[in-house]
């Protein structure tokens, strides 16, 4: 029996070597041929224009979400993060289950996150402070519905919310240029995701990265574009795709409240905004259509107007709300949650 065992082990070792040796040869050849550069048609630095990844003490790379908040932050770095929970939500403590208390998940971008104000001034924190609800602030700066849909999949199982409050649209409508071959390429988030995953694979194995890259659609021809042409380019999430993704989010929850967030220029025409004025209209209409399918809509622009506060009191910049503006949103969400029983 010992002789048979040693013979079997020798055959196994021979088979493993026979399998691995060609792969090692192919890996070495790929590394020499590619010389450390991701293979065409990959965009070599798909996230280079993302300001979030430049804040390395707040955000970390994620191959699916592009970036995510680092957990357990305690950083004096406004207007970015100052506190995040051990699970990576904005705030101090991870959500707890309180018997009989409705669990609310606020899923959105920097407007939900509370960019420009301390963590306790963001509208989810102000809603929590008012009592009656356990609130999870799952907002992440820069996120679109593409990222929000992926993030919801992990949040839903972890938090089991009674109500989902969704706020997206501004980043979906934005343009996200990438430098490529001496020009500019404008990609949607879905197009960009394939490049991000392939480059992640390439960082681990040149050969496997090359194989994966063959399945990635070549980017459009890089162009030399002016700032004005870039602003008018293809959005991160086209409006028809935005509506589909938003509908999937809304329908996935037990009850959903949709926020339609305005830019400051909607309330203050004198405010200068470099993006085309009509770009946001289609996204606002999509939000209203989805809300009309059995969900609840809060138009934050209407709430801001009804507050009696001036735009300068409601906003810290062209998009993000001040502490007072966040208080208006928190009050509107509370009113809706208390007025309407779960559907």
C-alpha atoms as a PDB file:
ATOM      1  CA  UNK A   1       0.000   0.000   0.000  1.00  0.00           C
ATOM      2  CA  UNK A   2       2.779   2.591   0.768  1.00  0.00           C
ATOM      3  CA  UNK A   3       4.312   1.860  -2.667  1.00  0.00           C
ATOM      4  CA  UNK A   4       0.967   2.385  -4.385  1.00  0.00           C
ATOM      5  CA  UNK A   5       0.462   5.638  -2.460  1.00  0.00           C
ATOM      6  CA  UNK A   6       3.853   7.009  -3.503  1.00  0.00           C
ATOM      7  CA  UNK A   7       3.209   6.016  -7.115  1.00  0.00           C
ATOM      8  CA  UNK A   8      -0.175   7.717  -7.026  1.00  0.00           C
ATOM      9  CA  UNK A   9       1.366  10.879  -5.607  1.00  0.00           C
ATOM     10  CA  UNK A  10       4.043  10.891  -8.323  1.00  0.00           C
ATOM     11  CA  UNK A  11       1.372  10.585 -11.021  1.00  0.00           C
ATOM     12  CA  UNK A  12      -0.610  13.401  -9.392  1.00  0.00           C
ATOM     13  CA  UNK A  13       2.462  15.632  -9.215  1.00  0.00           C
ATOM     14  CA  UNK A  14       3.265  14.913 -12.866  1.00  0.00           C
ATOM     15  CA  UNK A  15      -0.280  15.789 -13.896  1.00  0.00           C
ATOM     16  CA  UNK A  16      -0.200  19.053 -11.919  1.00  0.00           C
ATOM     17  CA  UNK A  17       3.114  20.069 -13.475  1.00  0.00           C
ATOM     18  CA  UNK A  18       1.825  19.190 -16.932  1.00  0.00           C
ATOM     19  CA  UNK A  19      -1.193  21.409 -16.311  1.00  0.00           C
ATOM     20  CA  UNK A  20       0.594  24.336 -14.703  1.00  0.00           C
ATOM     21  CA  UNK A  21       3.674  24.527 -16.912  1.00  0.00           C
ATOM     22  CA  UNK A  22       1.837  25.675 -20.067  1.00  0.00           C
ATOM     23  CA  UNK A  23      -0.083  28.241 -18.009  1.00  0.00           C
ATOM     24  CA  UNK A  24       3.152  29.565 -16.520  1.00  0.00           C
ATOM     25  CA  UNK A  25       4.662  29.807 -19.985  1.00  0.00           C
ATOM     26  CA  UNK A  26       1.603  31.663 -21.295  1.00  0.00           C
ATOM     27  CA  UNK A  27       1.652  33.991 -18.287  1.00  0.00           C
ATOM     28  CA  UNK A  28       5.324  34.796 -18.829  1.00  0.00           C
ATOM     29  CA  UNK A  29       4.753  35.395 -22.533  1.00  0.00           C
ATOM     30  CA  UNK A  30       1.791  37.686 -21.814  1.00  0.00           C
ATOM     31  CA  UNK A  31       3.803  39.710 -19.320  1.00  0.00           C
ATOM     32  CA  UNK A  32       6.650  40.142 -21.799  1.00  0.00           C
ATOM     33  CA  UNK A  33       4.356  40.999 -24.710  1.00  0.00           C
ATOM     34  CA  UNK A  34       2.147  43.431 -22.789  1.00  0.00           C
ATOM     35  CA  UNK A  35       5.005  44.919 -20.763  1.00  0.00           C
ATOM     36  CA  UNK A  36       2.747  45.853 -17.838  1.00  0.00           C
ATOM     37  CA  UNK A  37       0.169  47.675 -19.951  1.00  0.00           C
ATOM     38  CA  UNK A  38      -3.449  46.436 -19.986  1.00  0.00           C
ATOM     39  CA  UNK A  39      -4.288  44.874 -23.338  1.00  0.00           C
ATOM     40  CA  UNK A  40      -6.270  46.688 -26.017  1.00  0.00           C
ATOM     41  CA  UNK A  41      -9.108  47.525 -26.142  1.00  0.00           C
ATOM     42  CA  UNK A  42      -9.065  48.303 -22.429  1.00  0.00           C
ATOM     43  CA  UNK A  43      -9.103  51.885 -21.232  1.00  0.00           C
ATOM     44  CA  UNK A  44      -5.871  52.010 -19.291  1.00  0.00           C
ATOM     45  CA  UNK A  45      -7.089  54.194 -16.408  1.00  0.00           C
ATOM     46  CA  UNK A  46     -10.873  53.984 -16.281  1.00  0.00           C
ATOM     47  CA  UNK A  47     -11.188  55.746 -12.924  1.00  0.00           C
ATOM     48  CA  UNK A  48      -8.530  58.397 -13.308  1.00  0.00           C
ATOM     49  CA  UNK A  49     -11.070  61.229 -13.464  1.00  0.00           C
ATOM     50  CA  UNK A  50     -13.007  60.049 -10.411  1.00  0.00           C
ATOM     51  CA  UNK A  51     -12.375  62.507  -7.557  1.00  0.00           C
ATOM     52  CA  UNK A  52     -13.551  59.899  -5.063  1.00  0.00           C
ATOM     53  CA  UNK A  53     -10.618  57.562  -5.612  1.00  0.00           C
ATOM     54  CA  UNK A  54      -8.192  60.420  -5.071  1.00  0.00           C
ATOM     55  CA  UNK A  55      -9.425  60.684  -1.479  1.00  0.00           C
ATOM     56  CA  UNK A  56      -7.624  57.531  -0.404  1.00  0.00           C
ATOM     57  CA  UNK A  57      -8.342  57.961   3.304  1.00  0.00           C
ATOM     58  CA  UNK A  58     -12.101  57.875   2.616  1.00  0.00           C
ATOM     59  CA  UNK A  59     -12.699  55.651  -0.443  1.00  0.00           C
ATOM     60  CA  UNK A  60     -11.358  52.301  -1.587  1.00  0.00           C
ATOM     61  CA  UNK A  61     -11.375  50.687  -5.022  1.00  0.00           C
ATOM     62  CA  UNK A  62     -14.117  48.140  -5.659  1.00  0.00           C
ATOM     63  CA  UNK A  63     -14.122  46.051  -8.868  1.00  0.00           C
ATOM     64  CA  UNK A  64     -17.928  46.070  -9.065  1.00  0.00           C
ATOM     65  CA  UNK A  65     -18.982  49.381  -7.483  1.00  0.00           C
ATOM     66  CA  UNK A  66     -15.831  51.239  -8.722  1.00  0.00           C
ATOM     67  CA  UNK A  67     -15.366  52.633  -5.193  1.00  0.00           C
ATOM     68  CA  UNK A  68     -16.907  52.285  -1.751  1.00  0.00           C
ATOM     69  CA  UNK A  69     -16.630  54.093   1.574  1.00  0.00           C
ATOM     70  CA  UNK A  70     -13.980  52.773   3.910  1.00  0.00           C
ATOM     71  CA  UNK A  71     -15.475  51.373   7.125  1.00  0.00           C
ATOM     72  CA  UNK A  72     -14.710  52.687  10.592  1.00  0.00           C
ATOM     73  CA  UNK A  73     -13.605  56.180   9.560  1.00  0.00           C
ATOM     74  CA  UNK A  74     -13.064  58.952  12.052  1.00  0.00           C
ATOM     75  CA  UNK A  75     -11.595  61.617   9.805  1.00  0.00           C
ATOM     76  CA  UNK A  76     -11.827  65.377  10.070  1.00  0.00           C
ATOM     77  CA  UNK A  77     -12.010  65.809   6.308  1.00  0.00           C
ATOM     78  CA  UNK A  78     -15.131  67.721   5.396  1.00  0.00           C
ATOM     79  CA  UNK A  79     -16.637  68.068   2.870  1.00  0.00           C
ATOM     80  CA  UNK A  80     -15.888  64.350   2.530  1.00  0.00           C
ATOM     81  CA  UNK A  81     -16.403  61.792   5.265  1.00  0.00           C
ATOM     82  CA  UNK A  82     -15.938  62.384   8.943  1.00  0.00           C
ATOM     83  CA  UNK A  83     -17.454  59.194  10.396  1.00  0.00           C
ATOM     84  CA  UNK A  84     -18.434  55.828   8.954  1.00  0.00           C
ATOM     85  CA  UNK A  85     -19.706  52.755  10.757  1.00  0.00           C
ATOM     86  CA  UNK A  86     -17.841  49.432  10.951  1.00  0.00           C
ATOM     87  CA  UNK A  87     -19.979  48.253   8.007  1.00  0.00           C
ATOM     88  CA  UNK A  88     -19.185  51.318   5.873  1.00  0.00           C
ATOM     89  CA  UNK A  89     -22.366  53.365   6.261  1.00  0.00           C
ATOM     90  CA  UNK A  90     -22.141  57.045   7.077  1.00  0.00           C
ATOM     91  CA  UNK A  91     -22.550  57.621  10.792  1.00  0.00           C
ATOM     92  CA  UNK A  92     -21.103  56.364  14.046  1.00  0.00           C
ATOM     93  CA  UNK A  93     -22.807  53.070  14.863  1.00  0.00           C
ATOM     94  CA  UNK A  94     -24.093  50.264  12.705  1.00  0.00           C
ATOM     95  CA  UNK A  95     -27.877  49.934  12.669  1.00  0.00           C
ATOM     96  CA  UNK A  96     -29.458  47.844  15.377  1.00  0.00           C
ATOM     97  CA  UNK A  97     -32.764  46.010  15.325  1.00  0.00           C
ATOM     98  CA  UNK A  98     -35.267  47.704  17.609  1.00  0.00           C
ATOM     99  CA  UNK A  99     -38.460  45.677  18.139  1.00  0.00           C
ATOM    100  CA  UNK A 100     -41.465  47.497  16.752  1.00  0.00           C
ATOM    101  CA  UNK A 101     -39.390  50.311  15.220  1.00  0.00           C
ATOM    102  CA  UNK A 102     -39.508  50.588  11.403  1.00  0.00           C
ATOM    103  CA  UNK A 103     -36.159  50.185   9.659  1.00  0.00           C
ATOM    104  CA  UNK A 104     -35.497  52.797   6.947  1.00  0.00           C
ATOM    105  CA  UNK A 105     -32.683  52.496   4.409  1.00  0.00           C
ATOM    106  CA  UNK A 106     -31.697  55.717   2.644  1.00  0.00           C
ATOM    107  CA  UNK A 107     -30.002  54.700  -0.609  1.00  0.00           C
ATOM    108  CA  UNK A 108     -28.542  57.407  -2.786  1.00  0.00           C
ATOM    109  CA  UNK A 109     -25.618  59.564  -3.786  1.00  0.00           C
ATOM    110  CA  UNK A 110     -23.837  62.463  -2.080  1.00  0.00           C
ATOM    111  CA  UNK A 111     -27.128  64.277  -1.433  1.00  0.00           C
ATOM    112  CA  UNK A 112     -28.256  61.409   0.796  1.00  0.00           C
ATOM    113  CA  UNK A 113     -24.752  60.926   2.184  1.00  0.00           C
ATOM    114  CA  UNK A 114     -24.733  64.579   3.246  1.00  0.00           C
ATOM    115  CA  UNK A 115     -21.759  65.921   1.324  1.00  0.00           C
ATOM    116  CA  UNK A 116     -20.541  69.213   2.792  1.00  0.00           C
ATOM    117  CA  UNK A 117     -22.090  68.793   6.245  1.00  0.00           C
ATOM    118  CA  UNK A 118     -21.143  66.686   9.325  1.00  0.00           C
ATOM    119  CA  UNK A 119     -22.580  63.178   9.505  1.00  0.00           C
ATOM    120  CA  UNK A 120     -25.195  64.186  12.081  1.00  0.00           C
ATOM    121  CA  UNK A 121     -26.528  66.924   9.773  1.00  0.00           C
ATOM    122  CA  UNK A 122     -27.329  64.620   6.829  1.00  0.00           C
ATOM    123  CA  UNK A 123     -31.072  64.125   6.421  1.00  0.00           C
ATOM    124  CA  UNK A 124     -31.015  60.384   7.348  1.00  0.00           C
ATOM    125  CA  UNK A 125     -29.265  61.243  10.645  1.00  0.00           C
ATOM    126  CA  UNK A 126     -31.759  64.031  11.354  1.00  0.00           C
ATOM    127  CA  UNK A 127     -34.633  61.633  10.652  1.00  0.00           C
ATOM    128  CA  UNK A 128     -33.084  59.141  13.083  1.00  0.00           C
ATOM    129  CA  UNK A 129     -32.558  61.834  15.723  1.00  0.00           C
ATOM    130  CA  UNK A 130     -36.261  62.693  15.659  1.00  0.00           C
ATOM    131  CA  UNK A 131     -37.112  59.220  16.945  1.00  0.00           C
ATOM    132  CA  UNK A 132     -39.538  56.571  15.762  1.00  0.00           C
ATOM    133  CA  UNK A 133     -37.319  55.081  13.048  1.00  0.00           C
ATOM    134  CA  UNK A 134     -34.065  53.180  12.745  1.00  0.00           C
ATOM    135  CA  UNK A 135     -32.342  54.799   9.760  1.00  0.00           C
ATOM    136  CA  UNK A 136     -29.393  53.526   7.714  1.00  0.00           C
ATOM    137  CA  UNK A 137     -27.547  56.144   5.663  1.00  0.00           C
ATOM    138  CA  UNK A 138     -26.420  54.133   2.627  1.00  0.00           C
ATOM    139  CA  UNK A 139     -25.626  57.177   0.498  1.00  0.00           C
ATOM    140  CA  UNK A 140     -22.232  57.206  -1.251  1.00  0.00           C
ATOM    141  CA  UNK A 141     -20.836  60.232  -3.113  1.00  0.00           C
ATOM    142  CA  UNK A 142     -20.775  59.793  -6.870  1.00  0.00           C
ATOM    143  CA  UNK A 143     -23.082  56.785  -7.066  1.00  0.00           C
ATOM    144  CA  UNK A 144     -25.579  56.309  -9.887  1.00  0.00           C
ATOM    145  CA  UNK A 145     -28.450  53.844 -10.185  1.00  0.00           C
ATOM    146  CA  UNK A 146     -25.948  51.421 -11.733  1.00  0.00           C
ATOM    147  CA  UNK A 147     -23.987  51.323  -8.480  1.00  0.00           C
ATOM    148  CA  UNK A 148     -27.105  51.725  -6.353  1.00  0.00           C
ATOM    149  CA  UNK A 149     -28.658  48.581  -7.777  1.00  0.00           C
ATOM    150  CA  UNK A 150     -25.548  46.557  -6.995  1.00  0.00           C
ATOM    151  CA  UNK A 151     -25.283  48.041  -3.511  1.00  0.00           C
ATOM    152  CA  UNK A 152     -28.949  47.347  -2.761  1.00  0.00           C
ATOM    153  CA  UNK A 153     -28.356  43.636  -3.292  1.00  0.00           C
ATOM    154  CA  UNK A 154     -25.896  43.545  -0.385  1.00  0.00           C
ATOM    155  CA  UNK A 155     -27.769  46.023   1.819  1.00  0.00           C
ATOM    156  CA  UNK A 156     -31.176  44.338   1.613  1.00  0.00           C
ATOM    157  CA  UNK A 157     -29.964  41.054   3.057  1.00  0.00           C
ATOM    158  CA  UNK A 158     -27.964  42.793   5.772  1.00  0.00           C
ATOM    159  CA  UNK A 159     -30.556  45.338   6.956  1.00  0.00           C
ATOM    160  CA  UNK A 160     -34.008  43.903   6.041  1.00  0.00           C
ATOM    161  CA  UNK A 161     -35.614  47.364   5.747  1.00  0.00           C
ATOM    162  CA  UNK A 162     -39.306  48.130   6.075  1.00  0.00           C
ATOM    163  CA  UNK A 163     -38.973  51.175   3.815  1.00  0.00           C
ATOM    164  CA  UNK A 164     -36.456  52.067   1.116  1.00  0.00           C
ATOM    165  CA  UNK A 165     -35.912  55.768   0.377  1.00  0.00           C
ATOM    166  CA  UNK A 166     -34.178  56.155  -2.999  1.00  0.00           C
ATOM    167  CA  UNK A 167     -32.446  59.281  -4.282  1.00  0.00           C
ATOM    168  CA  UNK A 168     -30.581  59.104  -7.594  1.00  0.00           C
ATOM    169  CA  UNK A 169     -30.495  60.979 -10.871  1.00  0.00           C
ATOM    170  CA  UNK A 170     -27.911  63.736 -10.706  1.00  0.00           C
ATOM    171  CA  UNK A 171     -24.896  61.474 -11.243  1.00  0.00           C
ATOM    172  CA  UNK A 172     -26.801  59.331 -13.744  1.00  0.00           C
ATOM    173  CA  UNK A 173     -27.253  62.410 -15.928  1.00  0.00           C
ATOM    174  CA  UNK A 174     -23.641  63.509 -15.550  1.00  0.00           C
ATOM    175  CA  UNK A 175     -20.854  62.803 -18.030  1.00  0.00           C
ATOM    176  CA  UNK A 176     -17.786  60.857 -16.891  1.00  0.00           C
ATOM    177  CA  UNK A 177     -14.917  61.269 -19.360  1.00  0.00           C
ATOM    178  CA  UNK A 178     -11.870  58.998 -19.455  1.00  0.00           C
ATOM    179  CA  UNK A 179      -8.497  59.723 -21.057  1.00  0.00           C
ATOM    180  CA  UNK A 180      -7.578  57.178 -23.712  1.00  0.00           C
ATOM    181  CA  UNK A 181      -4.965  57.204 -26.480  1.00  0.00           C
ATOM    182  CA  UNK A 182      -4.464  60.945 -26.307  1.00  0.00           C
ATOM    183  CA  UNK A 183      -8.154  61.785 -26.439  1.00  0.00           C
ATOM    184  CA  UNK A 184     -11.379  61.560 -24.459  1.00  0.00           C
ATOM    185  CA  UNK A 185     -13.771  58.606 -24.342  1.00  0.00           C
ATOM    186  CA  UNK A 186     -17.251  58.998 -22.866  1.00  0.00           C
ATOM    187  CA  UNK A 187     -18.517  55.753 -21.351  1.00  0.00           C
ATOM    188  CA  UNK A 188     -21.684  54.756 -19.577  1.00  0.00           C
ATOM    189  CA  UNK A 189     -21.285  53.084 -16.200  1.00  0.00           C
ATOM    190  CA  UNK A 190     -22.223  49.703 -17.679  1.00  0.00           C
ATOM    191  CA  UNK A 191     -19.556  50.090 -20.391  1.00  0.00           C
ATOM    192  CA  UNK A 192     -16.982  51.230 -17.864  1.00  0.00           C
ATOM    193  CA  UNK A 193     -17.682  48.252 -15.592  1.00  0.00           C
ATOM    194  CA  UNK A 194     -16.352  45.779 -18.171  1.00  0.00           C
ATOM    195  CA  UNK A 195     -13.067  47.663 -18.384  1.00  0.00           C
ATOM    196  CA  UNK A 196     -12.758  47.899 -14.595  1.00  0.00           C
ATOM    197  CA  UNK A 197     -13.275  44.158 -14.148  1.00  0.00           C
ATOM    198  CA  UNK A 198     -10.845  43.310 -16.955  1.00  0.00           C
ATOM    199  CA  UNK A 199      -8.130  45.569 -15.576  1.00  0.00           C
ATOM    200  CA  UNK A 200      -8.649  44.064 -12.127  1.00  0.00           C
ATOM    201  CA  UNK A 201      -8.140  40.645 -13.691  1.00  0.00           C
ATOM    202  CA  UNK A 202      -5.063  41.896 -15.568  1.00  0.00           C
ATOM    203  CA  UNK A 203      -3.527  43.122 -12.306  1.00  0.00           C
ATOM    204  CA  UNK A 204      -3.685  39.540 -11.045  1.00  0.00           C
ATOM    205  CA  UNK A 205      -2.702  37.715 -14.217  1.00  0.00           C
ATOM    206  CA  UNK A 206      -1.553  39.165 -17.527  1.00  0.00           C
ATOM    207  CA  UNK A 207      -2.682  36.085 -19.443  1.00  0.00           C
ATOM    208  CA  UNK A 208      -6.112  35.766 -17.830  1.00  0.00           C
ATOM    209  CA  UNK A 209      -6.527  39.534 -18.112  1.00  0.00           C
ATOM    210  CA  UNK A 210      -5.767  39.314 -21.824  1.00  0.00           C
ATOM    211  CA  UNK A 211      -8.354  36.517 -22.219  1.00  0.00           C
ATOM    212  CA  UNK A 212     -10.950  38.534 -20.309  1.00  0.00           C
ATOM    213  CA  UNK A 213     -10.169  41.625 -22.361  1.00  0.00           C
ATOM    214  CA  UNK A 214     -11.101  39.836 -25.584  1.00  0.00           C
ATOM    215  CA  UNK A 215     -14.693  39.854 -24.361  1.00  0.00           C
ATOM    216  CA  UNK A 216     -14.706  43.579 -23.652  1.00  0.00           C
ATOM    217  CA  UNK A 217     -16.157  45.786 -26.331  1.00  0.00           C
ATOM    218  CA  UNK A 218     -13.653  48.228 -27.763  1.00  0.00           C
ATOM    219  CA  UNK A 219     -14.227  51.804 -26.586  1.00  0.00           C
ATOM    220  CA  UNK A 220     -15.423  54.408 -29.046  1.00  0.00           C
ATOM    221  CA  UNK A 221     -12.719  56.284 -30.886  1.00  0.00           C
ATOM    222  CA  UNK A 222     -10.974  58.696 -28.532  1.00  0.00           C
ATOM    223  CA  UNK A 223     -11.673  62.304 -29.478  1.00  0.00           C
ATOM    224  CA  UNK A 224     -10.205  65.652 -28.597  1.00  0.00           C
ATOM    225  CA  UNK A 225     -13.161  67.444 -27.036  1.00  0.00           C
ATOM    226  CA  UNK A 226     -13.692  70.852 -25.511  1.00  0.00           C
ATOM    227  CA  UNK A 227     -15.146  71.172 -22.006  1.00  0.00           C
ATOM    228  CA  UNK A 228     -18.449  72.225 -23.532  1.00  0.00           C
ATOM    229  CA  UNK A 229     -18.540  69.187 -25.831  1.00  0.00           C
ATOM    230  CA  UNK A 230     -17.771  66.891 -22.906  1.00  0.00           C
ATOM    231  CA  UNK A 231     -20.646  68.332 -20.857  1.00  0.00           C
ATOM    232  CA  UNK A 232     -23.012  67.609 -23.713  1.00  0.00           C
ATOM    233  CA  UNK A 233     -21.748  64.055 -24.126  1.00  0.00           C
ATOM    234  CA  UNK A 234     -23.368  60.733 -23.280  1.00  0.00           C
ATOM    235  CA  UNK A 235     -24.498  60.457 -19.637  1.00  0.00           C
ATOM    236  CA  UNK A 236     -23.239  57.845 -17.220  1.00  0.00           C
ATOM    237  CA  UNK A 237     -26.652  56.154 -17.227  1.00  0.00           C
ATOM    238  CA  UNK A 238     -28.904  56.978 -20.227  1.00  0.00           C
ATOM    239  CA  UNK A 239     -32.376  58.055 -19.189  1.00  0.00           C
ATOM    240  CA  UNK A 240     -34.148  54.907 -20.449  1.00  0.00           C
ATOM    241  CA  UNK A 241     -31.669  52.735 -18.552  1.00  0.00           C
ATOM    242  CA  UNK A 242     -32.023  54.983 -15.502  1.00  0.00           C
ATOM    243  CA  UNK A 243     -35.787  54.451 -15.467  1.00  0.00           C
ATOM    244  CA  UNK A 244     -35.369  50.681 -15.750  1.00  0.00           C
ATOM    245  CA  UNK A 245     -32.814  50.549 -12.946  1.00  0.00           C
ATOM    246  CA  UNK A 246     -34.840  52.875 -10.721  1.00  0.00           C
ATOM    247  CA  UNK A 247     -37.977  50.789 -11.277  1.00  0.00           C
ATOM    248  CA  UNK A 248     -36.105  47.624 -10.302  1.00  0.00           C
ATOM    249  CA  UNK A 249     -34.956  49.272  -7.084  1.00  0.00           C
ATOM    250  CA  UNK A 250     -38.405  50.608  -6.255  1.00  0.00           C
ATOM    251  CA  UNK A 251     -40.113  47.280  -6.898  1.00  0.00           C
ATOM    252  CA  UNK A 252     -37.561  45.314  -4.871  1.00  0.00           C
ATOM    253  CA  UNK A 253     -38.510  46.832  -1.507  1.00  0.00           C
ATOM    254  CA  UNK A 254     -41.493  46.281   0.728  1.00  0.00           C
ATOM    255  CA  UNK A 255     -42.250  49.983   0.443  1.00  0.00           C
ATOM    256  CA  UNK A 256     -40.391  52.645  -1.504  1.00  0.00           C
ATOM    257  CA  UNK A 257     -40.212  56.425  -1.274  1.00  0.00           C
ATOM    258  CA  UNK A 258     -38.536  58.229  -4.200  1.00  0.00           C
ATOM    259  CA  UNK A 259     -36.809  61.585  -3.774  1.00  0.00           C
ATOM    260  CA  UNK A 260     -36.482  63.920  -6.739  1.00  0.00           C
ATOM    261  CA  UNK A 261     -33.495  66.101  -5.841  1.00  0.00           C
ATOM    262  CA  UNK A 262     -33.096  69.511  -7.536  1.00  0.00           C
ATOM    263  CA  UNK A 263     -30.011  71.451  -8.441  1.00  0.00           C
ATOM    264  CA  UNK A 264     -29.725  74.904  -6.940  1.00  0.00           C
ATOM    265  CA  UNK A 265     -30.298  76.661 -10.256  1.00  0.00           C
ATOM    266  CA  UNK A 266     -33.858  75.270 -10.286  1.00  0.00           C
ATOM    267  CA  UNK A 267     -34.625  77.490  -7.286  1.00  0.00           C
ATOM    268  CA  UNK A 268     -32.109  80.204  -8.057  1.00  0.00           C
ATOM    269  CA  UNK A 269     -31.906  81.019 -11.818  1.00  0.00           C
ATOM    270  CA  UNK A 270     -28.970  83.327 -11.140  1.00  0.00           C
ATOM    271  CA  UNK A 271     -26.856  80.385  -9.987  1.00  0.00           C
ATOM    272  CA  UNK A 272     -24.206  79.402 -12.537  1.00  0.00           C
ATOM    273  CA  UNK A 273     -24.218  75.713 -13.513  1.00  0.00           C
ATOM    274  CA  UNK A 274     -21.968  74.446 -16.321  1.00  0.00           C
ATOM    275  CA  UNK A 275     -24.152  71.451 -17.255  1.00  0.00           C
ATOM    276  CA  UNK A 276     -26.777  71.833 -20.016  1.00  0.00           C
ATOM    277  CA  UNK A 277     -30.025  73.128 -18.514  1.00  0.00           C
ATOM    278  CA  UNK A 278     -32.278  70.508 -20.100  1.00  0.00           C
ATOM    279  CA  UNK A 279     -30.197  67.437 -19.228  1.00  0.00           C
ATOM    280  CA  UNK A 280     -32.001  66.757 -15.936  1.00  0.00           C
ATOM    281  CA  UNK A 281     -35.572  67.014 -17.262  1.00  0.00           C
ATOM    282  CA  UNK A 282     -35.820  63.479 -18.627  1.00  0.00           C
ATOM    283  CA  UNK A 283     -34.520  62.026 -15.372  1.00  0.00           C
ATOM    284  CA  UNK A 284     -37.045  63.991 -13.320  1.00  0.00           C
ATOM    285  CA  UNK A 285     -39.845  62.732 -15.557  1.00  0.00           C
ATOM    286  CA  UNK A 286     -38.590  59.141 -15.187  1.00  0.00           C
ATOM    287  CA  UNK A 287     -38.653  59.462 -11.394  1.00  0.00           C
ATOM    288  CA  UNK A 288     -42.243  60.694 -11.538  1.00  0.00           C
ATOM    289  CA  UNK A 289     -43.299  57.837 -13.812  1.00  0.00           C
ATOM    290  CA  UNK A 290     -41.780  55.212 -11.525  1.00  0.00           C
ATOM    291  CA  UNK A 291     -43.305  56.860  -8.452  1.00  0.00           C
ATOM    292  CA  UNK A 292     -46.710  56.744 -10.154  1.00  0.00           C
ATOM    293  CA  UNK A 293     -46.538  52.936 -10.251  1.00  0.00           C
ATOM    294  CA  UNK A 294     -47.556  52.508  -6.616  1.00  0.00           C
ATOM    295  CA  UNK A 295     -44.689  54.264  -4.851  1.00  0.00           C
ATOM    296  CA  UNK A 296     -44.432  57.562  -2.973  1.00  0.00           C
ATOM    297  CA  UNK A 297     -42.766  60.659  -4.434  1.00  0.00           C
ATOM    298  CA  UNK A 298     -41.195  63.540  -2.535  1.00  0.00           C
ATOM    299  CA  UNK A 299     -40.187  66.391  -4.817  1.00  0.00           C
ATOM    300  CA  UNK A 300     -37.444  68.058  -2.814  1.00  0.00           C
ATOM    301  CA  UNK A 301     -37.711  71.223  -4.921  1.00  0.00           C
ATOM    302  CA  UNK A 302     -41.315  71.672  -3.771  1.00  0.00           C
ATOM    303  CA  UNK A 303     -40.297  71.069  -0.158  1.00  0.00           C
ATOM    304  CA  UNK A 304     -37.503  73.624  -0.419  1.00  0.00           C
ATOM    305  CA  UNK A 305     -39.852  76.234  -1.888  1.00  0.00           C
ATOM    306  CA  UNK A 306     -42.439  75.622   0.822  1.00  0.00           C
ATOM    307  CA  UNK A 307     -39.822  75.983   3.570  1.00  0.00           C
ATOM    308  CA  UNK A 308     -39.559  79.729   3.057  1.00  0.00           C
ATOM    309  CA  UNK A 309     -35.769  79.528   3.166  1.00  0.00           C
ATOM    310  CA  UNK A 310     -33.596  81.202   0.547  1.00  0.00           C
ATOM    311  CA  UNK A 311     -31.482  79.034  -1.784  1.00  0.00           C
ATOM    312  CA  UNK A 312     -28.361  80.255  -0.010  1.00  0.00           C
ATOM    313  CA  UNK A 313     -29.757  78.854   3.241  1.00  0.00           C
ATOM    314  CA  UNK A 314     -30.761  75.526   1.694  1.00  0.00           C
ATOM    315  CA  UNK A 315     -27.613  74.668  -0.297  1.00  0.00           C
ATOM    316  CA  UNK A 316     -23.889  74.568   0.437  1.00  0.00           C
ATOM    317  CA  UNK A 317     -23.105  74.507  -3.303  1.00  0.00           C
ATOM    318  CA  UNK A 318     -24.972  73.914  -6.556  1.00  0.00           C
ATOM    319  CA  UNK A 319     -26.391  70.533  -5.505  1.00  0.00           C
ATOM    320  CA  UNK A 320     -25.858  69.598  -1.862  1.00  0.00           C
ATOM    321  CA  UNK A 321     -28.068  70.707   0.998  1.00  0.00           C
ATOM    322  CA  UNK A 322     -26.991  72.594   4.096  1.00  0.00           C
ATOM    323  CA  UNK A 323     -27.922  71.448   7.579  1.00  0.00           C
ATOM    324  CA  UNK A 324     -31.124  73.478   7.223  1.00  0.00           C
ATOM    325  CA  UNK A 325     -31.838  71.993   3.785  1.00  0.00           C
ATOM    326  CA  UNK A 326     -31.270  68.488   5.097  1.00  0.00           C
ATOM    327  CA  UNK A 327     -33.680  69.246   7.949  1.00  0.00           C
ATOM    328  CA  UNK A 328     -36.360  70.127   5.375  1.00  0.00           C
ATOM    329  CA  UNK A 329     -35.820  66.787   3.620  1.00  0.00           C
ATOM    330  CA  UNK A 330     -35.870  64.839   6.902  1.00  0.00           C
ATOM    331  CA  UNK A 331     -39.150  66.509   7.868  1.00  0.00           C
ATOM    332  CA  UNK A 332     -40.698  65.668   4.480  1.00  0.00           C
ATOM    333  CA  UNK A 333     -39.644  62.021   4.719  1.00  0.00           C
ATOM    334  CA  UNK A 334     -41.003  61.794   8.267  1.00  0.00           C
ATOM    335  CA  UNK A 335     -44.318  63.289   7.195  1.00  0.00           C
ATOM    336  CA  UNK A 336     -44.704  60.784   4.360  1.00  0.00           C
ATOM    337  CA  UNK A 337     -43.717  57.827   6.547  1.00  0.00           C
ATOM    338  CA  UNK A 338     -46.176  58.825   9.262  1.00  0.00           C
ATOM    339  CA  UNK A 339     -49.027  59.669   6.878  1.00  0.00           C
ATOM    340  CA  UNK A 340     -48.905  56.582   4.680  1.00  0.00           C
ATOM    341  CA  UNK A 341     -49.161  53.042   5.934  1.00  0.00           C
ATOM    342  CA  UNK A 342     -46.970  50.446   4.169  1.00  0.00           C
ATOM    343  CA  UNK A 343     -48.387  49.346   0.876  1.00  0.00           C
END
